[in-house]
Amino acid sequence: MRRVMVRYRVKPAEAERNEQLVRAVYDELDRGQPEGVSYATFQLDDGVSFVHIYLSANDDRSSGLAEFPAFQEFQRGAAERFEEGPVVTELREVGSYRLLAGDGLGTMPGA
């Protein structure tokens, strides 16, 4: 299994546009439903930093996302949107509990 974290910071004027581009990727993923892929994006509390977590059942170096036009659009112009990064980090899981599984998270108190 491949596990990758990508983090970056966008220019303040680009934060909303970046979020729109990310949401478009998720719309396409919902329609395409690629097998063996889990993906999540988080916006940090500074409003301009983003973290993407990508998990793939395949160990190959391709993300599998590159075939989606919305992901291609997200990547196009990234250098102009980004103020810092992207920093790509391969992750080695030590342990997890229901991370990205989608089960039970909606029933957490305060969720």
PDB file of N, CA and C in Angstrom:
ATOM      1  N   MET A   1       0.843  -1.175   0.000  1.00  0.00           N
ATOM      2  CA  MET A   1       0.000   0.000   0.000  1.00  0.00           C
ATOM      3  C   MET A   1       0.889   1.238   0.000  1.00  0.00           C
ATOM      4  N   ARG A   2       0.479   2.241  -0.726  1.00  0.00           N
ATOM      5  CA  ARG A   2       1.205   3.506  -0.784  1.00  0.00           C
ATOM      6  C   ARG A   2       0.450   4.541   0.035  1.00  0.00           C
ATOM      7  N   ARG A   3       1.184   5.275   0.863  1.00  0.00           N
ATOM      8  CA  ARG A   3       0.607   6.328   1.703  1.00  0.00           C
ATOM      9  C   ARG A   3       1.438   7.588   1.510  1.00  0.00           C
ATOM     10  N   VAL A   4       0.776   8.662   1.119  1.00  0.00           N
ATOM     11  CA  VAL A   4       1.485   9.902   0.824  1.00  0.00           C
ATOM     12  C   VAL A   4       0.760  11.072   1.482  1.00  0.00           C
ATOM     13  N   MET A   5       1.547  12.003   2.010  1.00  0.00           N
ATOM     14  CA  MET A   5       1.016  13.258   2.517  1.00  0.00           C
ATOM     15  C   MET A   5       1.657  14.380   1.708  1.00  0.00           C
ATOM     16  N   VAL A   6       0.833  15.307   1.261  1.00  0.00           N
ATOM     17  CA  VAL A   6       1.329  16.477   0.540  1.00  0.00           C
ATOM     18  C   VAL A   6       0.844  17.701   1.303  1.00  0.00           C
ATOM     19  N   ARG A   7       1.767  18.582   1.604  1.00  0.00           N
ATOM     20  CA  ARG A   7       1.368  19.815   2.281  1.00  0.00           C
ATOM     21  C   ARG A   7       1.943  21.006   1.534  1.00  0.00           C
ATOM     22  N   TYR A   8       1.208  22.097   1.579  1.00  0.00           N
ATOM     23  CA  TYR A   8       1.619  23.317   0.902  1.00  0.00           C
ATOM     24  C   TYR A   8       0.843  24.487   1.484  1.00  0.00           C
ATOM     25  N   ARG A   9       1.309  25.667   1.139  1.00  0.00           N
ATOM     26  CA  ARG A   9       0.620  26.891   1.543  1.00  0.00           C
ATOM     27  C   ARG A   9       0.360  27.720   0.296  1.00  0.00           C
ATOM     28  N   VAL A  10      -0.867  28.186   0.167  1.00  0.00           N
ATOM     29  CA  VAL A  10      -1.225  29.022  -0.977  1.00  0.00           C
ATOM     30  C   VAL A  10      -1.132  30.497  -0.590  1.00  0.00           C
ATOM     31  N   LYS A  11      -1.084  31.331  -1.590  1.00  0.00           N
ATOM     32  CA  LYS A  11      -1.150  32.771  -1.357  1.00  0.00           C
ATOM     33  C   LYS A  11      -2.540  33.085  -0.793  1.00  0.00           C
ATOM     34  N   PRO A  12      -2.631  34.018   0.145  1.00  0.00           N
ATOM     35  CA  PRO A  12      -3.932  34.318   0.764  1.00  0.00           C
ATOM     36  C   PRO A  12      -5.047  34.580  -0.242  1.00  0.00           C
ATOM     37  N   ALA A  13      -4.759  35.250  -1.321  1.00  0.00           N
ATOM     38  CA  ALA A  13      -5.779  35.549  -2.327  1.00  0.00           C
ATOM     39  C   ALA A  13      -6.204  34.313  -3.111  1.00  0.00           C
ATOM     40  N   GLU A  14      -5.468  33.206  -2.979  1.00  0.00           N
ATOM     41  CA  GLU A  14      -5.736  31.981  -3.733  1.00  0.00           C
ATOM     42  C   GLU A  14      -6.416  30.887  -2.906  1.00  0.00           C
ATOM     43  N   ALA A  15      -6.625  31.115  -1.616  1.00  0.00           N
ATOM     44  CA  ALA A  15      -7.164  30.064  -0.746  1.00  0.00           C
ATOM     45  C   ALA A  15      -8.544  29.593  -1.195  1.00  0.00           C
ATOM     46  N   GLU A  16      -9.426  30.515  -1.504  1.00  0.00           N
ATOM     47  CA  GLU A  16     -10.780  30.127  -1.923  1.00  0.00           C
ATOM     48  C   GLU A  16     -10.747  29.378  -3.248  1.00  0.00           C
ATOM     49  N   ARG A  17      -9.951  29.854  -4.191  1.00  0.00           N
ATOM     50  CA  ARG A  17      -9.826  29.182  -5.494  1.00  0.00           C
ATOM     51  C   ARG A  17      -9.261  27.782  -5.310  1.00  0.00           C
ATOM     52  N   ASN A  18      -8.265  27.642  -4.455  1.00  0.00           N
ATOM     53  CA  ASN A  18      -7.678  26.327  -4.216  1.00  0.00           C
ATOM     54  C   ASN A  18      -8.729  25.371  -3.656  1.00  0.00           C
ATOM     55  N   GLU A  19      -9.517  25.854  -2.704  1.00  0.00           N
ATOM     56  CA  GLU A  19     -10.563  25.014  -2.131  1.00  0.00           C
ATOM     57  C   GLU A  19     -11.571  24.591  -3.193  1.00  0.00           C
ATOM     58  N   GLN A  20     -11.935  25.495  -4.087  1.00  0.00           N
ATOM     59  CA  GLN A  20     -12.864  25.155  -5.171  1.00  0.00           C
ATOM     60  C   GLN A  20     -12.280  24.072  -6.070  1.00  0.00           C
ATOM     61  N   LEU A  21     -11.006  24.199  -6.405  1.00  0.00           N
ATOM     62  CA  LEU A  21     -10.355  23.197  -7.255  1.00  0.00           C
ATOM     63  C   LEU A  21     -10.306  21.844  -6.564  1.00  0.00           C
ATOM     64  N   VAL A  22     -10.029  21.844  -5.267  1.00  0.00           N
ATOM     65  CA  VAL A  22      -9.988  20.588  -4.512  1.00  0.00           C
ATOM     66  C   VAL A  22     -11.371  19.944  -4.487  1.00  0.00           C
ATOM     67  N   ARG A  23     -12.406  20.744  -4.240  1.00  0.00           N
ATOM     68  CA  ARG A  23     -13.772  20.205  -4.202  1.00  0.00           C
ATOM     69  C   ARG A  23     -14.170  19.602  -5.553  1.00  0.00           C
ATOM     70  N   ALA A  24     -13.701  20.192  -6.638  1.00  0.00           N
ATOM     71  CA  ALA A  24     -13.988  19.654  -7.974  1.00  0.00           C
ATOM     72  C   ALA A  24     -13.354  18.275  -8.145  1.00  0.00           C
ATOM     73  N   VAL A  25     -12.171  18.078  -7.571  1.00  0.00           N
ATOM     74  CA  VAL A  25     -11.528  16.761  -7.621  1.00  0.00           C
ATOM     75  C   VAL A  25     -12.407  15.744  -6.909  1.00  0.00           C
ATOM     76  N   TYR A  26     -12.930  16.110  -5.743  1.00  0.00           N
ATOM     77  CA  TYR A  26     -13.782  15.174  -4.993  1.00  0.00           C
ATOM     78  C   TYR A  26     -15.085  14.881  -5.717  1.00  0.00           C
ATOM     79  N   ASP A  27     -15.614  15.859  -6.418  1.00  0.00           N
ATOM     80  CA  ASP A  27     -16.815  15.611  -7.218  1.00  0.00           C
ATOM     81  C   ASP A  27     -16.537  14.542  -8.269  1.00  0.00           C
ATOM     82  N   GLU A  28     -15.388  14.642  -8.925  1.00  0.00           N
ATOM     83  CA  GLU A  28     -15.034  13.642  -9.939  1.00  0.00           C
ATOM     84  C   GLU A  28     -14.746  12.282  -9.313  1.00  0.00           C
ATOM     85  N   LEU A  29     -14.085  12.280  -8.160  1.00  0.00           N
ATOM     86  CA  LEU A  29     -13.831  11.008  -7.485  1.00  0.00           C
ATOM     87  C   LEU A  29     -15.149  10.334  -7.105  1.00  0.00           C
ATOM     88  N   ASP A  30     -16.106  11.117  -6.642  1.00  0.00           N
ATOM     89  CA  ASP A  30     -17.424  10.559  -6.302  1.00  0.00           C
ATOM     90  C   ASP A  30     -18.088   9.920  -7.521  1.00  0.00           C
ATOM     91  N   ARG A  31     -17.937  10.557  -8.673  1.00  0.00           N
ATOM     92  CA  ARG A  31     -18.529  10.005  -9.894  1.00  0.00           C
ATOM     93  C   ARG A  31     -17.741   8.802 -10.410  1.00  0.00           C
ATOM     94  N   GLY A  32     -16.406   8.891 -10.377  1.00  0.00           N
ATOM     95  CA  GLY A  32     -15.569   7.825 -10.935  1.00  0.00           C
ATOM     96  C   GLY A  32     -15.338   6.662  -9.999  1.00  0.00           C
ATOM     97  N   GLN A  33     -15.359   6.903  -8.716  1.00  0.00           N
ATOM     98  CA  GLN A  33     -15.164   5.893  -7.680  1.00  0.00           C
ATOM     99  C   GLN A  33     -14.023   4.926  -8.000  1.00  0.00           C
ATOM    100  N   PRO A  34     -12.798   5.445  -8.081  1.00  0.00           N
ATOM    101  CA  PRO A  34     -11.668   4.556  -8.377  1.00  0.00           C
ATOM    102  C   PRO A  34     -11.455   3.542  -7.250  1.00  0.00           C
ATOM    103  N   GLU A  35     -11.173   2.322  -7.632  1.00  0.00           N
ATOM    104  CA  GLU A  35     -10.951   1.237  -6.670  1.00  0.00           C
ATOM    105  C   GLU A  35      -9.602   1.409  -5.972  1.00  0.00           C
ATOM    106  N   GLY A  36      -9.551   1.060  -4.706  1.00  0.00           N
ATOM    107  CA  GLY A  36      -8.296   1.019  -3.977  1.00  0.00           C
ATOM    108  C   GLY A  36      -7.694   2.363  -3.634  1.00  0.00           C
ATOM    109  N   VAL A  37      -8.498   3.429  -3.673  1.00  0.00           N
ATOM    110  CA  VAL A  37      -7.993   4.770  -3.406  1.00  0.00           C
ATOM    111  C   VAL A  37      -8.774   5.396  -2.263  1.00  0.00           C
ATOM    112  N   SER A  38      -8.042   5.963  -1.312  1.00  0.00           N
ATOM    113  CA  SER A  38      -8.631   6.812  -0.274  1.00  0.00           C
ATOM    114  C   SER A  38      -7.895   8.133  -0.332  1.00  0.00           C
ATOM    115  N   TYR A  39      -8.628   9.220  -0.156  1.00  0.00           N
ATOM    116  CA  TYR A  39      -8.027  10.537  -0.351  1.00  0.00           C
ATOM    117  C   TYR A  39      -8.753  11.515   0.549  1.00  0.00           C
ATOM    118  N   ALA A  40      -8.019  12.368   1.207  1.00  0.00           N
ATOM    119  CA  ALA A  40      -8.620  13.392   2.057  1.00  0.00           C
ATOM    120  C   ALA A  40      -7.779  14.657   1.976  1.00  0.00           C
ATOM    121  N   THR A  41      -8.449  15.789   2.086  1.00  0.00           N
ATOM    122  CA  THR A  41      -7.771  17.080   2.084  1.00  0.00           C
ATOM    123  C   THR A  41      -8.243  17.871   3.287  1.00  0.00           C
ATOM    124  N   PHE A  42      -7.303  18.523   3.931  1.00  0.00           N
ATOM    125  CA  PHE A  42      -7.600  19.324   5.114  1.00  0.00           C
ATOM    126  C   PHE A  42      -7.038  20.726   4.924  1.00  0.00           C
ATOM    127  N   GLN A  43      -7.820  21.722   5.306  1.00  0.00           N
ATOM    128  CA  GLN A  43      -7.340  23.093   5.325  1.00  0.00           C
ATOM    129  C   GLN A  43      -6.993  23.406   6.778  1.00  0.00           C
ATOM    130  N   LEU A  44      -5.791  23.889   7.016  1.00  0.00           N
ATOM    131  CA  LEU A  44      -5.349  24.171   8.369  1.00  0.00           C
ATOM    132  C   LEU A  44      -5.934  25.489   8.863  1.00  0.00           C
ATOM    133  N   ASP A  45      -5.837  25.711  10.159  1.00  0.00           N
ATOM    134  CA  ASP A  45      -6.524  26.864  10.746  1.00  0.00           C
ATOM    135  C   ASP A  45      -5.947  28.212  10.333  1.00  0.00           C
ATOM    136  N   ASP A  46      -4.798  28.235   9.679  1.00  0.00           N
ATOM    137  CA  ASP A  46      -4.296  29.512   9.161  1.00  0.00           C
ATOM    138  C   ASP A  46      -5.033  29.937   7.888  1.00  0.00           C
ATOM    139  N   GLY A  47      -5.842  29.022   7.342  1.00  0.00           N
ATOM    140  CA  GLY A  47      -6.655  29.327   6.161  1.00  0.00           C
ATOM    141  C   GLY A  47      -5.938  29.234   4.833  1.00  0.00           C
ATOM    142  N   VAL A  48      -4.622  29.093   4.861  1.00  0.00           N
ATOM    143  CA  VAL A  48      -3.862  29.064   3.605  1.00  0.00           C
ATOM    144  C   VAL A  48      -2.996  27.808   3.449  1.00  0.00           C
ATOM    145  N   SER A  49      -2.952  26.990   4.479  1.00  0.00           N
ATOM    146  CA  SER A  49      -2.175  25.748   4.410  1.00  0.00           C
ATOM    147  C   SER A  49      -3.128  24.579   4.208  1.00  0.00           C
ATOM    148  N   PHE A  50      -2.702  23.652   3.354  1.00  0.00           N
ATOM    149  CA  PHE A  50      -3.509  22.479   3.024  1.00  0.00           C
ATOM    150  C   PHE A  50      -2.654  21.230   3.181  1.00  0.00           C
ATOM    151  N   VAL A  51      -3.307  20.153   3.590  1.00  0.00           N
ATOM    152  CA  VAL A  51      -2.664  18.848   3.694  1.00  0.00           C
ATOM    153  C   VAL A  51      -3.555  17.849   2.969  1.00  0.00           C
ATOM    154  N   HIS A  52      -2.961  17.097   2.068  1.00  0.00           N
ATOM    155  CA  HIS A  52      -3.657  16.035   1.348  1.00  0.00           C
ATOM    156  C   HIS A  52      -3.076  14.709   1.819  1.00  0.00           C
ATOM    157  N   ILE A  53      -3.944  13.754   2.107  1.00  0.00           N
ATOM    158  CA  ILE A  53      -3.526  12.399   2.464  1.00  0.00           C
ATOM    159  C   ILE A  53      -4.061  11.476   1.381  1.00  0.00           C
ATOM    160  N   TYR A  54      -3.171  10.722   0.776  1.00  0.00           N
ATOM    161  CA  TYR A  54      -3.526   9.819  -0.315  1.00  0.00           C
ATOM    162  C   TYR A  54      -3.103   8.409   0.056  1.00  0.00           C
ATOM    163  N   LEU A  55      -4.039   7.486   0.024  1.00  0.00           N
ATOM    164  CA  LEU A  55      -3.755   6.077   0.275  1.00  0.00           C
ATOM    165  C   LEU A  55      -4.156   5.284  -0.956  1.00  0.00           C
ATOM    166  N   SER A  56      -3.285   4.394  -1.385  1.00  0.00           N
ATOM    167  CA  SER A  56      -3.567   3.582  -2.559  1.00  0.00           C
ATOM    168  C   SER A  56      -3.224   2.132  -2.278  1.00  0.00           C
ATOM    169  N   ALA A  57      -4.086   1.246  -2.713  1.00  0.00           N
ATOM    170  CA  ALA A  57      -3.819  -0.188  -2.575  1.00  0.00           C
ATOM    171  C   ALA A  57      -2.634  -0.601  -3.435  1.00  0.00           C
ATOM    172  N   ASN A  58      -2.306   0.185  -4.458  1.00  0.00           N
ATOM    173  CA  ASN A  58      -1.177  -0.107  -5.338  1.00  0.00           C
ATOM    174  C   ASN A  58       0.075   0.566  -4.811  1.00  0.00           C
ATOM    175  N   ASP A  59       1.202  -0.084  -4.996  1.00  0.00           N
ATOM    176  CA  ASP A  59       2.472   0.486  -4.575  1.00  0.00           C
ATOM    177  C   ASP A  59       3.139   1.291  -5.688  1.00  0.00           C
ATOM    178  N   ASP A  60       2.506   1.373  -6.857  1.00  0.00           N
ATOM    179  CA  ASP A  60       3.167   2.092  -7.949  1.00  0.00           C
ATOM    180  C   ASP A  60       3.241   3.586  -7.624  1.00  0.00           C
ATOM    181  N   ARG A  61       4.130   4.278  -8.292  1.00  0.00           N
ATOM    182  CA  ARG A  61       4.414   5.675  -8.003  1.00  0.00           C
ATOM    183  C   ARG A  61       3.353   6.625  -8.537  1.00  0.00           C
ATOM    184  N   SER A  62       2.505   6.183  -9.445  1.00  0.00           N
ATOM    185  CA  SER A  62       1.471   7.070  -9.968  1.00  0.00           C
ATOM    186  C   SER A  62       0.359   7.191  -8.937  1.00  0.00           C
ATOM    187  N   SER A  63      -0.261   8.344  -8.887  1.00  0.00           N
ATOM    188  CA  SER A  63      -1.290   8.570  -7.877  1.00  0.00           C
ATOM    189  C   SER A  63      -2.639   8.006  -8.283  1.00  0.00           C
ATOM    190  N   GLY A  64      -2.846   7.775  -9.582  1.00  0.00           N
ATOM    191  CA  GLY A  64      -4.155   7.342 -10.035  1.00  0.00           C
ATOM    192  C   GLY A  64      -5.115   8.518 -10.194  1.00  0.00           C
ATOM    193  N   LEU A  65      -4.763   9.636  -9.608  1.00  0.00           N
ATOM    194  CA  LEU A  65      -5.606  10.831  -9.718  1.00  0.00           C
ATOM    195  C   LEU A  65      -5.350  11.589 -11.011  1.00  0.00           C
ATOM    196  N   ALA A  66      -4.190  11.391 -11.585  1.00  0.00           N
ATOM    197  CA  ALA A  66      -3.778  12.166 -12.757  1.00  0.00           C
ATOM    198  C   ALA A  66      -4.717  12.006 -13.943  1.00  0.00           C
ATOM    199  N   GLU A  67      -5.481  10.924 -13.986  1.00  0.00           N
ATOM    200  CA  GLU A  67      -6.401  10.704 -15.108  1.00  0.00           C
ATOM    201  C   GLU A  67      -7.661  11.564 -15.015  1.00  0.00           C
ATOM    202  N   PHE A  68      -7.917  12.150 -13.855  1.00  0.00           N
ATOM    203  CA  PHE A  68      -9.128  12.944 -13.664  1.00  0.00           C
ATOM    204  C   PHE A  68      -8.903  14.384 -14.127  1.00  0.00           C
ATOM    205  N   PRO A  69      -9.738  14.890 -15.035  1.00  0.00           N
ATOM    206  CA  PRO A  69      -9.576  16.260 -15.520  1.00  0.00           C
ATOM    207  C   PRO A  69      -9.562  17.302 -14.403  1.00  0.00           C
ATOM    208  N   ALA A  70     -10.348  17.123 -13.363  1.00  0.00           N
ATOM    209  CA  ALA A  70     -10.360  18.096 -12.263  1.00  0.00           C
ATOM    210  C   ALA A  70      -9.021  18.115 -11.532  1.00  0.00           C
ATOM    211  N   PHE A  71      -8.365  16.961 -11.420  1.00  0.00           N
ATOM    212  CA  PHE A  71      -7.055  16.923 -10.784  1.00  0.00           C
ATOM    213  C   PHE A  71      -6.014  17.589 -11.682  1.00  0.00           C
ATOM    214  N   GLN A  72      -6.145  17.386 -12.983  1.00  0.00           N
ATOM    215  CA  GLN A  72      -5.255  18.060 -13.927  1.00  0.00           C
ATOM    216  C   GLN A  72      -5.435  19.573 -13.819  1.00  0.00           C
ATOM    217  N   GLU A  73      -6.676  20.013 -13.686  1.00  0.00           N
ATOM    218  CA  GLU A  73      -6.956  21.446 -13.528  1.00  0.00           C
ATOM    219  C   GLU A  73      -6.379  21.964 -12.212  1.00  0.00           C
ATOM    220  N   PHE A  74      -6.497  21.160 -11.146  1.00  0.00           N
ATOM    221  CA  PHE A  74      -5.916  21.533  -9.860  1.00  0.00           C
ATOM    222  C   PHE A  74      -4.405  21.732  -9.988  1.00  0.00           C
ATOM    223  N   GLN A  75      -3.741  20.855 -10.705  1.00  0.00           N
ATOM    224  CA  GLN A  75      -2.289  20.952 -10.851  1.00  0.00           C
ATOM    225  C   GLN A  75      -1.878  22.104 -11.765  1.00  0.00           C
ATOM    226  N   ARG A  76      -2.715  22.397 -12.752  1.00  0.00           N
ATOM    227  CA  ARG A  76      -2.405  23.485 -13.674  1.00  0.00           C
ATOM    228  C   ARG A  76      -2.448  24.811 -12.895  1.00  0.00           C
ATOM    229  N   GLY A  77      -1.430  25.569 -12.960  1.00  0.00           N
ATOM    230  CA  GLY A  77      -1.386  26.851 -12.275  1.00  0.00           C
ATOM    231  C   GLY A  77      -1.047  26.762 -10.798  1.00  0.00           C
ATOM    232  N   ALA A  78      -0.704  25.558 -10.324  1.00  0.00           N
ATOM    233  CA  ALA A  78      -0.384  25.396  -8.898  1.00  0.00           C
ATOM    234  C   ALA A  78       0.798  26.281  -8.499  1.00  0.00           C
ATOM    235  N   ALA A  79       1.788  26.387  -9.349  1.00  0.00           N
ATOM    236  CA  ALA A  79       2.973  27.188  -9.016  1.00  0.00           C
ATOM    237  C   ALA A  79       2.596  28.644  -8.753  1.00  0.00           C
ATOM    238  N   GLU A  80       1.591  29.134  -9.455  1.00  0.00           N
ATOM    239  CA  GLU A  80       1.147  30.519  -9.246  1.00  0.00           C
ATOM    240  C   GLU A  80       0.305  30.657  -7.979  1.00  0.00           C
ATOM    241  N   ARG A  81      -0.431  29.588  -7.607  1.00  0.00           N
ATOM    242  CA  ARG A  81      -1.267  29.620  -6.395  1.00  0.00           C
ATOM    243  C   ARG A  81      -0.454  29.418  -5.131  1.00  0.00           C
ATOM    244  N   PHE A  82       0.574  28.586  -5.213  1.00  0.00           N
ATOM    245  CA  PHE A  82       1.317  28.193  -4.022  1.00  0.00           C
ATOM    246  C   PHE A  82       2.296  29.280  -3.590  1.00  0.00           C
ATOM    247  N   GLU A  83       2.329  29.493  -2.290  1.00  0.00           N
ATOM    248  CA  GLU A  83       3.324  30.377  -1.695  1.00  0.00           C
ATOM    249  C   GLU A  83       4.509  29.545  -1.177  1.00  0.00           C
ATOM    250  N   GLU A  84       4.202  28.305  -0.788  1.00  0.00           N
ATOM    251  CA  GLU A  84       5.227  27.407  -0.254  1.00  0.00           C
ATOM    252  C   GLU A  84       4.849  25.964  -0.571  1.00  0.00           C
ATOM    253  N   GLY A  85       5.833  25.173  -0.954  1.00  0.00           N
ATOM    254  CA  GLY A  85       5.575  23.763  -1.212  1.00  0.00           C
ATOM    255  C   GLY A  85       5.287  23.513  -2.670  1.00  0.00           C
ATOM    256  N   PRO A  86       4.808  22.379  -2.998  1.00  0.00           N
ATOM    257  CA  PRO A  86       4.340  21.294  -2.146  1.00  0.00           C
ATOM    258  C   PRO A  86       5.498  20.437  -1.618  1.00  0.00           C
ATOM    259  N   VAL A  87       5.295  19.916  -0.425  1.00  0.00           N
ATOM    260  CA  VAL A  87       6.221  18.979   0.183  1.00  0.00           C
ATOM    261  C   VAL A  87       5.519  17.628   0.196  1.00  0.00           C
ATOM    262  N   VAL A  88       6.112  16.662  -0.508  1.00  0.00           N
ATOM    263  CA  VAL A  88       5.534  15.320  -0.618  1.00  0.00           C
ATOM    264  C   VAL A  88       6.296  14.399   0.321  1.00  0.00           C
ATOM    265  N   THR A  89       5.551  13.696   1.183  1.00  0.00           N
ATOM    266  CA  THR A  89       6.156  12.812   2.166  1.00  0.00           C
ATOM    267  C   THR A  89       5.503  11.443   2.088  1.00  0.00           C
ATOM    268  N   GLU A  90       6.317  10.417   1.894  1.00  0.00           N
ATOM    269  CA  GLU A  90       5.828   9.039   1.973  1.00  0.00           C
ATOM    270  C   GLU A  90       5.620   8.711   3.449  1.00  0.00           C
ATOM    271  N   LEU A  91       4.488   8.093   3.771  1.00  0.00           N
ATOM    272  CA  LEU A  91       4.164   7.776   5.156  1.00  0.00           C
ATOM    273  C   LEU A  91       4.267   6.281   5.405  1.00  0.00           C
ATOM    274  N   ARG A  92       4.745   5.929   6.580  1.00  0.00           N
ATOM    275  CA  ARG A  92       4.775   4.541   7.027  1.00  0.00           C
ATOM    276  C   ARG A  92       3.850   4.454   8.240  1.00  0.00           C
ATOM    277  N   GLU A  93       2.775   3.708   8.086  1.00  0.00           N
ATOM    278  CA  GLU A  93       1.783   3.612   9.153  1.00  0.00           C
ATOM    279  C   GLU A  93       2.322   2.828  10.334  1.00  0.00           C
ATOM    280  N   VAL A  94       2.177   3.422  11.498  1.00  0.00           N
ATOM    281  CA  VAL A  94       2.520   2.749  12.739  1.00  0.00           C
ATOM    282  C   VAL A  94       1.252   2.207  13.372  1.00  0.00           C
ATOM    283  N   GLY A  95       0.172   2.924  13.214  1.00  0.00           N
ATOM    284  CA  GLY A  95      -1.122   2.510  13.720  1.00  0.00           C
ATOM    285  C   GLY A  95      -2.170   3.525  13.303  1.00  0.00           C
ATOM    286  N   SER A  96      -3.418   3.130  13.313  1.00  0.00           N
ATOM    287  CA  SER A  96      -4.512   4.054  13.013  1.00  0.00           C
ATOM    288  C   SER A  96      -5.791   3.475  13.596  1.00  0.00           C
ATOM    289  N   TYR A  97      -6.744   4.333  13.787  1.00  0.00           N
ATOM    290  CA  TYR A  97      -8.045   3.907  14.271  1.00  0.00           C
ATOM    291  C   TYR A  97      -9.098   4.641  13.468  1.00  0.00           C
ATOM    292  N   ARG A  98      -9.769   3.926  12.582  1.00  0.00           N
ATOM    293  CA  ARG A  98     -10.855   4.449  11.767  1.00  0.00           C
ATOM    294  C   ARG A  98     -10.474   5.658  10.915  1.00  0.00           C
ATOM    295  N   LEU A  99      -9.211   5.848  10.671  1.00  0.00           N
ATOM    296  CA  LEU A  99      -8.786   6.968   9.844  1.00  0.00           C
ATOM    297  C   LEU A  99      -9.258   6.754   8.419  1.00  0.00           C
ATOM    298  N   LEU A 100     -10.018   7.692   7.920  1.00  0.00           N
ATOM    299  CA  LEU A 100     -10.521   7.686   6.548  1.00  0.00           C
ATOM    300  C   LEU A 100     -11.464   6.525   6.252  1.00  0.00           C
ATOM    301  N   ALA A 101     -11.870   5.788   7.259  1.00  0.00           N
ATOM    302  CA  ALA A 101     -12.766   4.666   7.028  1.00  0.00           C
ATOM    303  C   ALA A 101     -14.208   5.108   6.871  1.00  0.00           C
ATOM    304  N   GLY A 102     -14.515   6.282   7.415  1.00  0.00           N
ATOM    305  CA  GLY A 102     -15.868   6.806   7.265  1.00  0.00           C
ATOM    306  C   GLY A 102     -16.872   6.182   8.191  1.00  0.00           C
ATOM    307  N   ASP A 103     -16.471   5.194   8.987  1.00  0.00           N
ATOM    308  CA  ASP A 103     -17.427   4.553   9.880  1.00  0.00           C
ATOM    309  C   ASP A 103     -17.321   5.143  11.278  1.00  0.00           C
ATOM    310  N   GLY A 104     -18.447   5.598  11.780  1.00  0.00           N
ATOM    311  CA  GLY A 104     -18.499   6.089  13.127  1.00  0.00           C
ATOM    312  C   GLY A 104     -18.136   7.541  13.302  1.00  0.00           C
ATOM    313  N   LEU A 105     -17.487   8.151  12.312  1.00  0.00           N
ATOM    314  CA  LEU A 105     -17.042   9.531  12.489  1.00  0.00           C
ATOM    315  C   LEU A 105     -18.214  10.503  12.571  1.00  0.00           C
ATOM    316  N   GLY A 106     -19.260  10.241  11.817  1.00  0.00           N
ATOM    317  CA  GLY A 106     -20.406  11.152  11.838  1.00  0.00           C
ATOM    318  C   GLY A 106     -21.189  11.074  13.129  1.00  0.00           C
ATOM    319  N   THR A 107     -20.938  10.070  13.952  1.00  0.00           N
ATOM    320  CA  THR A 107     -21.684   9.917  15.195  1.00  0.00           C
ATOM    321  C   THR A 107     -20.879  10.364  16.408  1.00  0.00           C
ATOM    322  N   MET A 108     -19.725  10.934  16.182  1.00  0.00           N
ATOM    323  CA  MET A 108     -18.906  11.397  17.299  1.00  0.00           C
ATOM    324  C   MET A 108     -19.588  12.598  17.950  1.00  0.00           C
ATOM    325  N   PRO A 109     -19.522  12.709  19.276  1.00  0.00           N
ATOM    326  CA  PRO A 109     -20.087  13.883  19.943  1.00  0.00           C
ATOM    327  C   PRO A 109     -19.456  15.155  19.388  1.00  0.00           C
ATOM    328  N   GLY A 110     -20.273  16.120  19.086  1.00  0.00           N
ATOM    329  CA  GLY A 110     -19.781  17.393  18.557  1.00  0.00           C
ATOM    330  C   GLY A 110     -19.515  17.381  17.079  1.00  0.00           C
ATOM    331  N   ALA A 111     -19.723  16.245  16.419  1.00  0.00           N
ATOM    332  CA  ALA A 111     -19.438  16.173  14.976  1.00  0.00           C
ATOM    333  C   ALA A 111     -20.585  16.732  14.183  1.00  0.00           C
TER     334      ALA A 111
END
